[in-house]
């Protein structure tokens, strides 16, 4: 899936997001929160290298440029919180879930979707 990120702080018009639909809202909220942090700092740049599931939780890889230290710290906090939040959100439906393993694969799933792999 792609998410539009047509913001002054991004050199990308959209980012590829390699997650299931249940985490889409989580990623969209992260993008909006980043916009709030960087609003009024036209030189600041964020480039998303990868947004995906890894070991059952959301992973966000990015690089920054021309950003103040406090903004970098806030961006790190926002991405960490999004990753931590994904550990309790079903990646299929977005409802409450828990990290579950099955044969080496890890996914966050609700009771209704626990067997979907």
PDB file of N, CA and C in Angstrom:
ATOM      1  N   UNK A   1       0.845  -1.167   0.000  1.00  0.00           N
ATOM      2  CA  UNK A   1       0.000   0.000   0.000  1.00  0.00           C
ATOM      3  C   UNK A   1       0.894   1.234   0.000  1.00  0.00           C
ATOM      4  N   UNK A   2       0.389   2.314  -0.477  1.00  0.00           N
ATOM      5  CA  UNK A   2       1.105   3.581  -0.476  1.00  0.00           C
ATOM      6  C   UNK A   2       0.350   4.587   0.366  1.00  0.00           C
ATOM      7  N   UNK A   3       1.096   5.452   1.023  1.00  0.00           N
ATOM      8  CA  UNK A   3       0.503   6.536   1.793  1.00  0.00           C
ATOM      9  C   UNK A   3       1.071   7.841   1.256  1.00  0.00           C
ATOM     10  N   UNK A   4       0.187   8.775   0.926  1.00  0.00           N
ATOM     11  CA  UNK A   4       0.630  10.073   0.440  1.00  0.00           C
ATOM     12  C   UNK A   4       1.290  10.853   1.570  1.00  0.00           C
ATOM     13  N   UNK A   5       2.441  11.427   1.275  1.00  0.00           N
ATOM     14  CA  UNK A   5       3.153  12.245   2.265  1.00  0.00           C
ATOM     15  C   UNK A   5       3.621  13.536   1.600  1.00  0.00           C
ATOM     16  N   UNK A   6       2.707  14.188   0.964  1.00  0.00           N
ATOM     17  CA  UNK A   6       3.040  15.426   0.248  1.00  0.00           C
ATOM     18  C   UNK A   6       3.145  16.579   1.252  1.00  0.00           C
ATOM     19  N   UNK A   7       4.214  16.545   2.032  1.00  0.00           N
ATOM     20  CA  UNK A   7       4.474  17.555   3.047  1.00  0.00           C
ATOM     21  C   UNK A   7       5.790  18.252   2.716  1.00  0.00           C
ATOM     22  N   UNK A   8       5.984  19.486   3.188  1.00  0.00           N
ATOM     23  CA  UNK A   8       7.229  20.200   2.902  1.00  0.00           C
ATOM     24  C   UNK A   8       8.466  19.486   3.444  1.00  0.00           C
ATOM     25  N   UNK A   9       8.308  18.695   4.485  1.00  0.00           N
ATOM     26  CA  UNK A   9       9.449  18.024   5.107  1.00  0.00           C
ATOM     27  C   UNK A   9       9.823  16.709   4.435  1.00  0.00           C
ATOM     28  N   UNK A  10       9.088  16.318   3.399  1.00  0.00           N
ATOM     29  CA  UNK A  10       9.367  15.045   2.734  1.00  0.00           C
ATOM     30  C   UNK A  10       9.751  15.270   1.284  1.00  0.00           C
ATOM     31  N   UNK A  11      10.797  14.582   0.849  1.00  0.00           N
ATOM     32  CA  UNK A  11      11.167  14.632  -0.563  1.00  0.00           C
ATOM     33  C   UNK A  11      10.420  13.555  -1.351  1.00  0.00           C
ATOM     34  N   UNK A  12       9.507  12.858  -0.675  1.00  0.00           N
ATOM     35  CA  UNK A  12       8.713  11.804  -1.293  1.00  0.00           C
ATOM     36  C   UNK A  12       7.267  12.283  -1.439  1.00  0.00           C
ATOM     37  N   UNK A  13       6.641  11.889  -2.504  1.00  0.00           N
ATOM     38  CA  UNK A  13       5.212  12.188  -2.667  1.00  0.00           C
ATOM     39  C   UNK A  13       4.363  11.108  -2.008  1.00  0.00           C
ATOM     40  N   UNK A  14       4.913   9.919  -1.907  1.00  0.00           N
ATOM     41  CA  UNK A  14       4.241   8.825  -1.220  1.00  0.00           C
ATOM     42  C   UNK A  14       5.299   7.854  -0.714  1.00  0.00           C
ATOM     43  N   UNK A  15       4.905   7.058   0.267  1.00  0.00           N
ATOM     44  CA  UNK A  15       5.815   6.034   0.777  1.00  0.00           C
ATOM     45  C   UNK A  15       5.136   4.675   0.636  1.00  0.00           C
ATOM     46  N   UNK A  16       5.939   3.689   0.318  1.00  0.00           N
ATOM     47  CA  UNK A  16       5.437   2.319   0.283  1.00  0.00           C
ATOM     48  C   UNK A  16       5.435   1.812   1.717  1.00  0.00           C
ATOM     49  N   UNK A  17       4.308   1.257   2.106  1.00  0.00           N
ATOM     50  CA  UNK A  17       4.139   0.746   3.465  1.00  0.00           C
ATOM     51  C   UNK A  17       3.846  -0.738   3.348  1.00  0.00           C
ATOM     52  N   UNK A  18       4.733  -1.551   3.885  1.00  0.00           N
ATOM     53  CA  UNK A  18       4.609  -2.996   3.775  1.00  0.00           C
ATOM     54  C   UNK A  18       4.003  -3.569   5.053  1.00  0.00           C
ATOM     55  N   UNK A  19       2.788  -3.131   5.355  1.00  0.00           N
ATOM     56  CA  UNK A  19       2.053  -3.640   6.516  1.00  0.00           C
ATOM     57  C   UNK A  19       0.633  -3.974   6.083  1.00  0.00           C
ATOM     58  N   UNK A  20      -0.027  -4.768   6.908  1.00  0.00           N
ATOM     59  CA  UNK A  20      -1.424  -5.110   6.637  1.00  0.00           C
ATOM     60  C   UNK A  20      -2.335  -3.941   7.016  1.00  0.00           C
ATOM     61  N   UNK A  21      -3.584  -3.961   6.561  1.00  0.00           N
ATOM     62  CA  UNK A  21      -4.501  -2.832   6.762  1.00  0.00           C
ATOM     63  C   UNK A  21      -4.735  -2.406   8.209  1.00  0.00           C
ATOM     64  N   UNK A  22      -4.623  -3.326   9.147  1.00  0.00           N
ATOM     65  CA  UNK A  22      -4.882  -2.994  10.546  1.00  0.00           C
ATOM     66  C   UNK A  22      -3.938  -1.965  11.130  1.00  0.00           C
ATOM     67  N   UNK A  23      -2.765  -1.826  10.555  1.00  0.00           N
ATOM     68  CA  UNK A  23      -1.791  -0.851  11.051  1.00  0.00           C
ATOM     69  C   UNK A  23      -1.777   0.439  10.233  1.00  0.00           C
ATOM     70  N   UNK A  24      -2.591   0.528   9.209  1.00  0.00           N
ATOM     71  CA  UNK A  24      -2.598   1.726   8.355  1.00  0.00           C
ATOM     72  C   UNK A  24      -2.870   3.001   9.169  1.00  0.00           C
ATOM     73  N   UNK A  25      -3.864   2.942  10.053  1.00  0.00           N
ATOM     74  CA  UNK A  25      -4.205   4.114  10.873  1.00  0.00           C
ATOM     75  C   UNK A  25      -3.016   4.537  11.753  1.00  0.00           C
ATOM     76  N   UNK A  26      -2.291   3.557  12.255  1.00  0.00           N
ATOM     77  CA  UNK A  26      -1.123   3.826  13.084  1.00  0.00           C
ATOM     78  C   UNK A  26      -0.048   4.585  12.290  1.00  0.00           C
ATOM     79  N   UNK A  27       0.186   4.168  11.060  1.00  0.00           N
ATOM     80  CA  UNK A  27       1.181   4.832  10.210  1.00  0.00           C
ATOM     81  C   UNK A  27       0.702   6.228   9.811  1.00  0.00           C
ATOM     82  N   UNK A  28      -0.582   6.362   9.483  1.00  0.00           N
ATOM     83  CA  UNK A  28      -1.118   7.679   9.132  1.00  0.00           C
ATOM     84  C   UNK A  28      -0.998   8.659  10.301  1.00  0.00           C
ATOM     85  N   UNK A  29      -1.274   8.187  11.513  1.00  0.00           N
ATOM     86  CA  UNK A  29      -1.143   9.037  12.698  1.00  0.00           C
ATOM     87  C   UNK A  29       0.308   9.467  12.882  1.00  0.00           C
ATOM     88  N   UNK A  30       1.236   8.557  12.654  1.00  0.00           N
ATOM     89  CA  UNK A  30       2.658   8.896  12.762  1.00  0.00           C
ATOM     90  C   UNK A  30       3.024  10.018  11.793  1.00  0.00           C
ATOM     91  N   UNK A  31       2.560   9.921  10.566  1.00  0.00           N
ATOM     92  CA  UNK A  31       2.869  10.950   9.556  1.00  0.00           C
ATOM     93  C   UNK A  31       2.298  12.306   9.985  1.00  0.00           C
ATOM     94  N   UNK A  32       1.074  12.317  10.488  1.00  0.00           N
ATOM     95  CA  UNK A  32       0.459  13.568  10.957  1.00  0.00           C
ATOM     96  C   UNK A  32       1.232  14.126  12.153  1.00  0.00           C
ATOM     97  N   UNK A  33       1.626  13.259  13.079  1.00  0.00           N
ATOM     98  CA  UNK A  33       2.399  13.709  14.240  1.00  0.00           C
ATOM     99  C   UNK A  33       3.755  14.278  13.830  1.00  0.00           C
ATOM    100  N   UNK A  34       4.393  13.667  12.835  1.00  0.00           N
ATOM    101  CA  UNK A  34       5.668  14.202  12.331  1.00  0.00           C
ATOM    102  C   UNK A  34       5.442  15.584  11.733  1.00  0.00           C
ATOM    103  N   UNK A  35       4.351  15.757  10.995  1.00  0.00           N
ATOM    104  CA  UNK A  35       4.037  17.059  10.414  1.00  0.00           C
ATOM    105  C   UNK A  35       3.884  18.119  11.499  1.00  0.00           C
ATOM    106  N   UNK A  36       3.238  17.769  12.605  1.00  0.00           N
ATOM    107  CA  UNK A  36       3.064  18.715  13.709  1.00  0.00           C
ATOM    108  C   UNK A  36       4.416  19.119  14.288  1.00  0.00           C
ATOM    109  N   UNK A  37       5.305  18.152  14.466  1.00  0.00           N
ATOM    110  CA  UNK A  37       6.637  18.432  15.035  1.00  0.00           C
ATOM    111  C   UNK A  37       7.462  19.317  14.105  1.00  0.00           C
ATOM    112  N   UNK A  38       7.354  19.093  12.802  1.00  0.00           N
ATOM    113  CA  UNK A  38       8.218  19.801  11.845  1.00  0.00           C
ATOM    114  C   UNK A  38       7.591  21.056  11.233  1.00  0.00           C
ATOM    115  N   UNK A  39       6.337  21.310  11.545  1.00  0.00           N
ATOM    116  CA  UNK A  39       5.663  22.491  11.016  1.00  0.00           C
ATOM    117  C   UNK A  39       6.457  23.738  11.398  1.00  0.00           C
ATOM    118  N   UNK A  40       6.672  24.606  10.465  1.00  0.00           N
ATOM    119  CA  UNK A  40       7.403  25.848  10.726  1.00  0.00           C
ATOM    120  C   UNK A  40       8.914  25.697  10.601  1.00  0.00           C
ATOM    121  N   UNK A  41       9.382  24.527  10.200  1.00  0.00           N
ATOM    122  CA  UNK A  41      10.814  24.306   9.978  1.00  0.00           C
ATOM    123  C   UNK A  41      10.985  23.828   8.544  1.00  0.00           C
ATOM    124  N   UNK A  42      10.955  24.753   7.586  1.00  0.00           N
ATOM    125  CA  UNK A  42      10.922  24.360   6.176  1.00  0.00           C
ATOM    126  C   UNK A  42      12.157  23.589   5.701  1.00  0.00           C
ATOM    127  N   UNK A  43      13.289  23.741   6.358  1.00  0.00           N
ATOM    128  CA  UNK A  43      14.495  23.047   5.910  1.00  0.00           C
ATOM    129  C   UNK A  43      14.540  21.586   6.375  1.00  0.00           C
ATOM    130  N   UNK A  44      13.804  21.253   7.418  1.00  0.00           N
ATOM    131  CA  UNK A  44      13.837  19.892   7.963  1.00  0.00           C
ATOM    132  C   UNK A  44      13.324  18.881   6.936  1.00  0.00           C
ATOM    133  N   UNK A  45      13.989  17.741   6.853  1.00  0.00           N
ATOM    134  CA  UNK A  45      13.620  16.705   5.902  1.00  0.00           C
ATOM    135  C   UNK A  45      13.591  15.333   6.571  1.00  0.00           C
ATOM    136  N   UNK A  46      12.599  14.530   6.190  1.00  0.00           N
ATOM    137  CA  UNK A  46      12.506  13.132   6.601  1.00  0.00           C
ATOM    138  C   UNK A  46      12.304  12.314   5.338  1.00  0.00           C
ATOM    139  N   UNK A  47      13.096  11.270   5.200  1.00  0.00           N
ATOM    140  CA  UNK A  47      12.943  10.347   4.078  1.00  0.00           C
ATOM    141  C   UNK A  47      12.720   8.959   4.663  1.00  0.00           C
ATOM    142  N   UNK A  48      11.552   8.353   4.358  1.00  0.00           N
ATOM    143  CA  UNK A  48      11.251   7.017   4.840  1.00  0.00           C
ATOM    144  C   UNK A  48      11.933   5.985   3.943  1.00  0.00           C
ATOM    145  N   UNK A  49      12.827   5.214   4.516  1.00  0.00           N
ATOM    146  CA  UNK A  49      13.498   4.156   3.771  1.00  0.00           C
ATOM    147  C   UNK A  49      12.651   2.887   3.719  1.00  0.00           C
ATOM    148  N   UNK A  50      11.994   2.571   4.838  1.00  0.00           N
ATOM    149  CA  UNK A  50      11.207   1.350   4.907  1.00  0.00           C
ATOM    150  C   UNK A  50      10.211   1.438   6.052  1.00  0.00           C
ATOM    151  N   UNK A  51       8.992   1.028   5.797  1.00  0.00           N
ATOM    152  CA  UNK A  51       7.947   0.928   6.818  1.00  0.00           C
ATOM    153  C   UNK A  51       7.347  -0.460   6.632  1.00  0.00           C
ATOM    154  N   UNK A  52       7.585  -1.338   7.629  1.00  0.00           N
ATOM    155  CA  UNK A  52       7.198  -2.730   7.451  1.00  0.00           C
ATOM    156  C   UNK A  52       7.018  -3.436   8.790  1.00  0.00           C
ATOM    157  N   UNK A  53       6.544  -4.659   8.705  1.00  0.00           N
ATOM    158  CA  UNK A  53       6.468  -5.537   9.869  1.00  0.00           C
ATOM    159  C   UNK A  53       7.759  -6.328   9.935  1.00  0.00           C
ATOM    160  N   UNK A  54       8.315  -6.411  11.127  1.00  0.00           N
ATOM    161  CA  UNK A  54       9.502  -7.248  11.338  1.00  0.00           C
ATOM    162  C   UNK A  54       9.403  -7.836  12.739  1.00  0.00           C
ATOM    163  N   UNK A  55       9.537  -9.147  12.842  1.00  0.00           N
ATOM    164  CA  UNK A  55       9.429  -9.855  14.118  1.00  0.00           C
ATOM    165  C   UNK A  55       8.093  -9.559  14.803  1.00  0.00           C
ATOM    166  N   UNK A  56       7.065  -9.347  13.993  1.00  0.00           N
ATOM    167  CA  UNK A  56       5.720  -9.180  14.505  1.00  0.00           C
ATOM    168  C   UNK A  56       5.288  -7.762  14.808  1.00  0.00           C
ATOM    169  N   UNK A  57       6.194  -6.804  14.808  1.00  0.00           N
ATOM    170  CA  UNK A  57       5.818  -5.425  15.130  1.00  0.00           C
ATOM    171  C   UNK A  57       6.223  -4.467  14.009  1.00  0.00           C
ATOM    172  N   UNK A  58       5.667  -3.281  14.069  1.00  0.00           N
ATOM    173  CA  UNK A  58       5.934  -2.252  13.071  1.00  0.00           C
ATOM    174  C   UNK A  58       7.357  -1.730  13.208  1.00  0.00           C
ATOM    175  N   UNK A  59       8.051  -1.640  12.101  1.00  0.00           N
ATOM    176  CA  UNK A  59       9.401  -1.063  12.064  1.00  0.00           C
ATOM    177  C   UNK A  59       9.399   0.091  11.072  1.00  0.00           C
ATOM    178  N   UNK A  60       9.987   1.205  11.485  1.00  0.00           N
ATOM    179  CA  UNK A  60      10.052   2.390  10.636  1.00  0.00           C
ATOM    180  C   UNK A  60      11.513   2.797  10.517  1.00  0.00           C
ATOM    181  N   UNK A  61      12.018   2.783   9.287  1.00  0.00           N
ATOM    182  CA  UNK A  61      13.394   3.167   9.019  1.00  0.00           C
ATOM    183  C   UNK A  61      13.370   4.453   8.207  1.00  0.00           C
ATOM    184  N   UNK A  62      14.115   5.432   8.633  1.00  0.00           N
ATOM    185  CA  UNK A  62      14.099   6.738   7.984  1.00  0.00           C
ATOM    186  C   UNK A  62      15.454   7.415   8.160  1.00  0.00           C
ATOM    187  N   UNK A  63      15.634   8.484   7.387  1.00  0.00           N
ATOM    188  CA  UNK A  63      16.810   9.332   7.591  1.00  0.00           C
ATOM    189  C   UNK A  63      16.324  10.776   7.622  1.00  0.00           C
ATOM    190  N   UNK A  64      17.093  11.616   8.281  1.00  0.00           N
ATOM    191  CA  UNK A  64      16.697  13.015   8.433  1.00  0.00           C
ATOM    192  C   UNK A  64      17.814  13.928   7.948  1.00  0.00           C
ATOM    193  N   UNK A  65      17.440  15.173   7.716  1.00  0.00           N
ATOM    194  CA  UNK A  65      18.416  16.202   7.339  1.00  0.00           C
ATOM    195  C   UNK A  65      17.912  17.552   7.838  1.00  0.00           C
ATOM    196  N   UNK A  66      18.844  18.400   8.205  1.00  0.00           N
ATOM    197  CA  UNK A  66      18.555  19.790   8.580  1.00  0.00           C
ATOM    198  C   UNK A  66      17.478  19.899   9.655  1.00  0.00           C
ATOM    199  N   UNK A  67      17.613  19.068  10.669  1.00  0.00           N
ATOM    200  CA  UNK A  67      16.632  19.023  11.730  1.00  0.00           C
ATOM    201  C   UNK A  67      17.303  19.367  13.060  1.00  0.00           C
ATOM    202  N   UNK A  68      16.586  20.107  13.897  1.00  0.00           N
ATOM    203  CA  UNK A  68      17.111  20.406  15.231  1.00  0.00           C
ATOM    204  C   UNK A  68      17.160  19.137  16.069  1.00  0.00           C
ATOM    205  N   UNK A  69      18.024  19.138  17.089  1.00  0.00           N
ATOM    206  CA  UNK A  69      18.139  17.970  17.969  1.00  0.00           C
ATOM    207  C   UNK A  69      16.822  17.630  18.652  1.00  0.00           C
ATOM    208  N   UNK A  70      16.111  18.651  19.124  1.00  0.00           N
ATOM    209  CA  UNK A  70      14.843  18.367  19.807  1.00  0.00           C
ATOM    210  C   UNK A  70      13.837  17.730  18.851  1.00  0.00           C
ATOM    211  N   UNK A  71      13.860  18.116  17.574  1.00  0.00           N
ATOM    212  CA  UNK A  71      12.967  17.519  16.596  1.00  0.00           C
ATOM    213  C   UNK A  71      13.363  16.068  16.311  1.00  0.00           C
ATOM    214  N   UNK A  72      14.662  15.810  16.216  1.00  0.00           N
ATOM    215  CA  UNK A  72      15.127  14.437  16.016  1.00  0.00           C
ATOM    216  C   UNK A  72      14.714  13.552  17.185  1.00  0.00           C
ATOM    217  N   UNK A  73      14.846  14.090  18.405  1.00  0.00           N
ATOM    218  CA  UNK A  73      14.434  13.337  19.598  1.00  0.00           C
ATOM    219  C   UNK A  73      12.939  13.038  19.566  1.00  0.00           C
ATOM    220  N   UNK A  74      12.122  14.022  19.179  1.00  0.00           N
ATOM    221  CA  UNK A  74      10.676  13.812  19.108  1.00  0.00           C
ATOM    222  C   UNK A  74      10.327  12.790  18.021  1.00  0.00           C
ATOM    223  N   UNK A  75      11.019  12.867  16.894  1.00  0.00           N
ATOM    224  CA  UNK A  75      10.776  11.916  15.813  1.00  0.00           C
ATOM    225  C   UNK A  75      11.125  10.495  16.266  1.00  0.00           C
ATOM    226  N   UNK A  76      12.218  10.351  16.957  1.00  0.00           N
ATOM    227  CA  UNK A  76      12.594   9.038  17.487  1.00  0.00           C
ATOM    228  C   UNK A  76      11.546   8.523  18.480  1.00  0.00           C
ATOM    229  N   UNK A  77      11.057   9.406  19.337  1.00  0.00           N
ATOM    230  CA  UNK A  77      10.019   9.029  20.300  1.00  0.00           C
ATOM    231  C   UNK A  77       8.737   8.620  19.583  1.00  0.00           C
ATOM    232  N   UNK A  78       8.332   9.378  18.577  1.00  0.00           N
ATOM    233  CA  UNK A  78       7.111   9.057  17.831  1.00  0.00           C
ATOM    234  C   UNK A  78       7.213   7.698  17.142  1.00  0.00           C
ATOM    235  N   UNK A  79       8.335   7.418  16.503  1.00  0.00           N
ATOM    236  CA  UNK A  79       8.482   6.144  15.799  1.00  0.00           C
ATOM    237  C   UNK A  79       8.562   4.982  16.788  1.00  0.00           C
ATOM    238  N   UNK A  80       9.213   5.192  17.919  1.00  0.00           N
ATOM    239  CA  UNK A  80       9.282   4.139  18.942  1.00  0.00           C
ATOM    240  C   UNK A  80       7.878   3.845  19.492  1.00  0.00           C
ATOM    241  N   UNK A  81       7.117   4.900  19.760  1.00  0.00           N
ATOM    242  CA  UNK A  81       5.756   4.713  20.278  1.00  0.00           C
ATOM    243  C   UNK A  81       4.863   3.989  19.270  1.00  0.00           C
ATOM    244  N   UNK A  82       4.999   4.315  17.992  1.00  0.00           N
ATOM    245  CA  UNK A  82       4.213   3.631  16.961  1.00  0.00           C
ATOM    246  C   UNK A  82       4.573   2.150  16.921  1.00  0.00           C
ATOM    247  N   UNK A  83       5.855   1.850  17.011  1.00  0.00           N
ATOM    248  CA  UNK A  83       6.291   0.460  17.022  1.00  0.00           C
ATOM    249  C   UNK A  83       5.762  -0.267  18.254  1.00  0.00           C
ATOM    250  N   UNK A  84       5.853   0.363  19.407  1.00  0.00           N
ATOM    251  CA  UNK A  84       5.353  -0.243  20.643  1.00  0.00           C
ATOM    252  C   UNK A  84       3.837  -0.441  20.582  1.00  0.00           C
ATOM    253  N   UNK A  85       3.122   0.532  20.041  1.00  0.00           N
ATOM    254  CA  UNK A  85       1.664   0.429  19.937  1.00  0.00           C
ATOM    255  C   UNK A  85       1.264  -0.726  19.023  1.00  0.00           C
ATOM    256  N   UNK A  86       2.044  -0.972  17.985  1.00  0.00           N
ATOM    257  CA  UNK A  86       1.706  -2.044  17.037  1.00  0.00           C
ATOM    258  C   UNK A  86       1.707  -3.417  17.703  1.00  0.00           C
ATOM    259  N   UNK A  87       2.393  -3.551  18.816  1.00  0.00           N
ATOM    260  CA  UNK A  87       2.466  -4.841  19.515  1.00  0.00           C
ATOM    261  C   UNK A  87       1.141  -5.222  20.170  1.00  0.00           C
ATOM    262  N   UNK A  88       0.174  -4.301  20.175  1.00  0.00           N
ATOM    263  CA  UNK A  88      -1.132  -4.618  20.768  1.00  0.00           C
ATOM    264  C   UNK A  88      -2.296  -4.282  19.825  1.00  0.00           C
ATOM    265  N   UNK A  89      -2.001  -4.133  18.528  1.00  0.00           N
ATOM    266  CA  UNK A  89      -3.017  -3.821  17.526  1.00  0.00           C
ATOM    267  C   UNK A  89      -2.989  -4.908  16.450  1.00  0.00           C
ATOM    268  N   UNK A  90      -4.117  -5.557  16.234  1.00  0.00           N
ATOM    269  CA  UNK A  90      -4.202  -6.596  15.208  1.00  0.00           C
ATOM    270  C   UNK A  90      -3.839  -5.999  13.848  1.00  0.00           C
ATOM    271  N   UNK A  91      -2.869  -6.609  13.183  1.00  0.00           N
ATOM    272  CA  UNK A  91      -2.428  -6.055  11.899  1.00  0.00           C
ATOM    273  C   UNK A  91      -3.433  -6.298  10.771  1.00  0.00           C
ATOM    274  N   UNK A  92      -4.446  -7.094  11.023  1.00  0.00           N
ATOM    275  CA  UNK A  92      -5.464  -7.330   9.990  1.00  0.00           C
ATOM    276  C   UNK A  92      -6.634  -6.360  10.134  1.00  0.00           C
ATOM    277  N   UNK A  93      -7.182  -6.223  11.354  1.00  0.00           N
ATOM    278  CA  UNK A  93      -8.404  -5.424  11.511  1.00  0.00           C
ATOM    279  C   UNK A  93      -8.210  -4.128  12.301  1.00  0.00           C
ATOM    280  N   UNK A  94      -7.087  -3.977  13.002  1.00  0.00           N
ATOM    281  CA  UNK A  94      -6.852  -2.765  13.787  1.00  0.00           C
ATOM    282  C   UNK A  94      -7.436  -2.824  15.188  1.00  0.00           C
ATOM    283  N   UNK A  95      -8.064  -3.925  15.536  1.00  0.00           N
ATOM    284  CA  UNK A  95      -8.608  -4.089  16.882  1.00  0.00           C
ATOM    285  C   UNK A  95      -7.522  -4.499  17.875  1.00  0.00           C
ATOM    286  N   UNK A  96      -7.889  -4.641  19.142  1.00  0.00           N
ATOM    287  CA  UNK A  96      -6.922  -5.073  20.149  1.00  0.00           C
ATOM    288  C   UNK A  96      -6.374  -6.463  19.802  1.00  0.00           C
ATOM    289  N   UNK A  97      -5.074  -6.606  19.911  1.00  0.00           N
ATOM    290  CA  UNK A  97      -4.443  -7.883  19.598  1.00  0.00           C
ATOM    291  C   UNK A  97      -3.265  -8.142  20.500  1.00  0.00           C
ATOM    292  N   UNK A  98      -2.642  -9.285  20.279  1.00  0.00           N
ATOM    293  CA  UNK A  98      -1.449  -9.621  21.040  1.00  0.00           C
ATOM    294  C   UNK A  98      -0.464 -10.335  20.120  1.00  0.00           C
ATOM    295  N   UNK A  99       0.800 -10.253  20.469  1.00  0.00           N
ATOM    296  CA  UNK A  99       1.851 -10.877  19.675  1.00  0.00           C
ATOM    297  C   UNK A  99       1.729 -12.395  19.791  1.00  0.00           C
ATOM    298  N   UNK A 100       1.646 -13.055  18.643  1.00  0.00           N
ATOM    299  CA  UNK A 100       1.468 -14.507  18.612  1.00  0.00           C
ATOM    300  C   UNK A 100       2.476 -15.105  17.644  1.00  0.00           C
ATOM    301  N   UNK A 101       3.003 -16.237  18.018  1.00  0.00           N
ATOM    302  CA  UNK A 101       3.946 -16.938  17.156  1.00  0.00           C
ATOM    303  C   UNK A 101       3.367 -18.241  16.665  1.00  0.00           C
ATOM    304  N   UNK A 102       3.753 -18.607  15.435  1.00  0.00           N
ATOM    305  CA  UNK A 102       3.300 -19.866  14.870  1.00  0.00           C
ATOM    306  C   UNK A 102       4.370 -20.372  13.912  1.00  0.00           C
ATOM    307  N   UNK A 103       5.156 -21.308  14.360  1.00  0.00           N
ATOM    308  CA  UNK A 103       6.181 -21.885  13.488  1.00  0.00           C
ATOM    309  C   UNK A 103       7.272 -20.915  13.094  1.00  0.00           C
ATOM    310  N   UNK A 104       7.622 -20.003  13.957  1.00  0.00           N
ATOM    311  CA  UNK A 104       8.699 -19.061  13.664  1.00  0.00           C
ATOM    312  C   UNK A 104       8.230 -17.715  13.153  1.00  0.00           C
ATOM    313  N   UNK A 105       6.999 -17.618  12.691  1.00  0.00           N
ATOM    314  CA  UNK A 105       6.461 -16.338  12.229  1.00  0.00           C
ATOM    315  C   UNK A 105       5.727 -15.661  13.389  1.00  0.00           C
ATOM    316  N   UNK A 106       5.929 -14.378  13.534  1.00  0.00           N
ATOM    317  CA  UNK A 106       5.276 -13.609  14.596  1.00  0.00           C
ATOM    318  C   UNK A 106       4.342 -12.607  13.976  1.00  0.00           C
ATOM    319  N   UNK A 107       3.155 -12.478  14.547  1.00  0.00           N
ATOM    320  CA  UNK A 107       2.163 -11.512  14.098  1.00  0.00           C
ATOM    321  C   UNK A 107       1.377 -11.027  15.306  1.00  0.00           C
ATOM    322  N   UNK A 108       0.865  -9.802  15.207  1.00  0.00           N
ATOM    323  CA  UNK A 108      -0.035  -9.300  16.241  1.00  0.00           C
ATOM    324  C   UNK A 108      -1.447  -9.518  15.722  1.00  0.00           C
ATOM    325  N   UNK A 109      -2.214 -10.316  16.469  1.00  0.00           N
ATOM    326  CA  UNK A 109      -3.537 -10.674  16.015  1.00  0.00           C
ATOM    327  C   UNK A 109      -4.541 -10.640  17.157  1.00  0.00           C
ATOM    328  N   UNK A 110      -5.776 -10.340  16.802  1.00  0.00           N
ATOM    329  CA  UNK A 110      -6.897 -10.454  17.744  1.00  0.00           C
ATOM    330  C   UNK A 110      -7.334 -11.912  17.768  1.00  0.00           C
ATOM    331  N   UNK A 111      -8.253 -12.234  18.645  1.00  0.00           N
ATOM    332  CA  UNK A 111      -8.739 -13.615  18.731  1.00  0.00           C
ATOM    333  C   UNK A 111      -9.403 -14.069  17.433  1.00  0.00           C
ATOM    334  N   UNK A 112     -10.107 -13.167  16.751  1.00  0.00           N
ATOM    335  CA  UNK A 112     -10.791 -13.532  15.505  1.00  0.00           C
ATOM    336  C   UNK A 112      -9.817 -13.871  14.376  1.00  0.00           C
ATOM    337  N   UNK A 113      -8.631 -13.270  14.396  1.00  0.00           N
ATOM    338  CA  UNK A 113      -7.675 -13.451  13.292  1.00  0.00           C
ATOM    339  C   UNK A 113      -6.421 -14.225  13.691  1.00  0.00           C
ATOM    340  N   UNK A 114      -6.414 -14.832  14.865  1.00  0.00           N
ATOM    341  CA  UNK A 114      -5.193 -15.461  15.342  1.00  0.00           C
ATOM    342  C   UNK A 114      -4.666 -16.561  14.438  1.00  0.00           C
ATOM    343  N   UNK A 115      -5.521 -17.213  13.688  1.00  0.00           N
ATOM    344  CA  UNK A 115      -5.083 -18.327  12.822  1.00  0.00           C
ATOM    345  C   UNK A 115      -4.764 -17.897  11.389  1.00  0.00           C
ATOM    346  N   UNK A 116      -4.918 -16.617  11.069  1.00  0.00           N
ATOM    347  CA  UNK A 116      -4.683 -16.143   9.702  1.00  0.00           C
ATOM    348  C   UNK A 116      -3.196 -15.867   9.514  1.00  0.00           C
ATOM    349  N   UNK A 117      -2.567 -16.611   8.590  1.00  0.00           N
ATOM    350  CA  UNK A 117      -1.136 -16.377   8.309  1.00  0.00           C
ATOM    351  C   UNK A 117      -0.868 -16.328   6.860  1.00  0.00           C
TER     352      UNK A 117
END
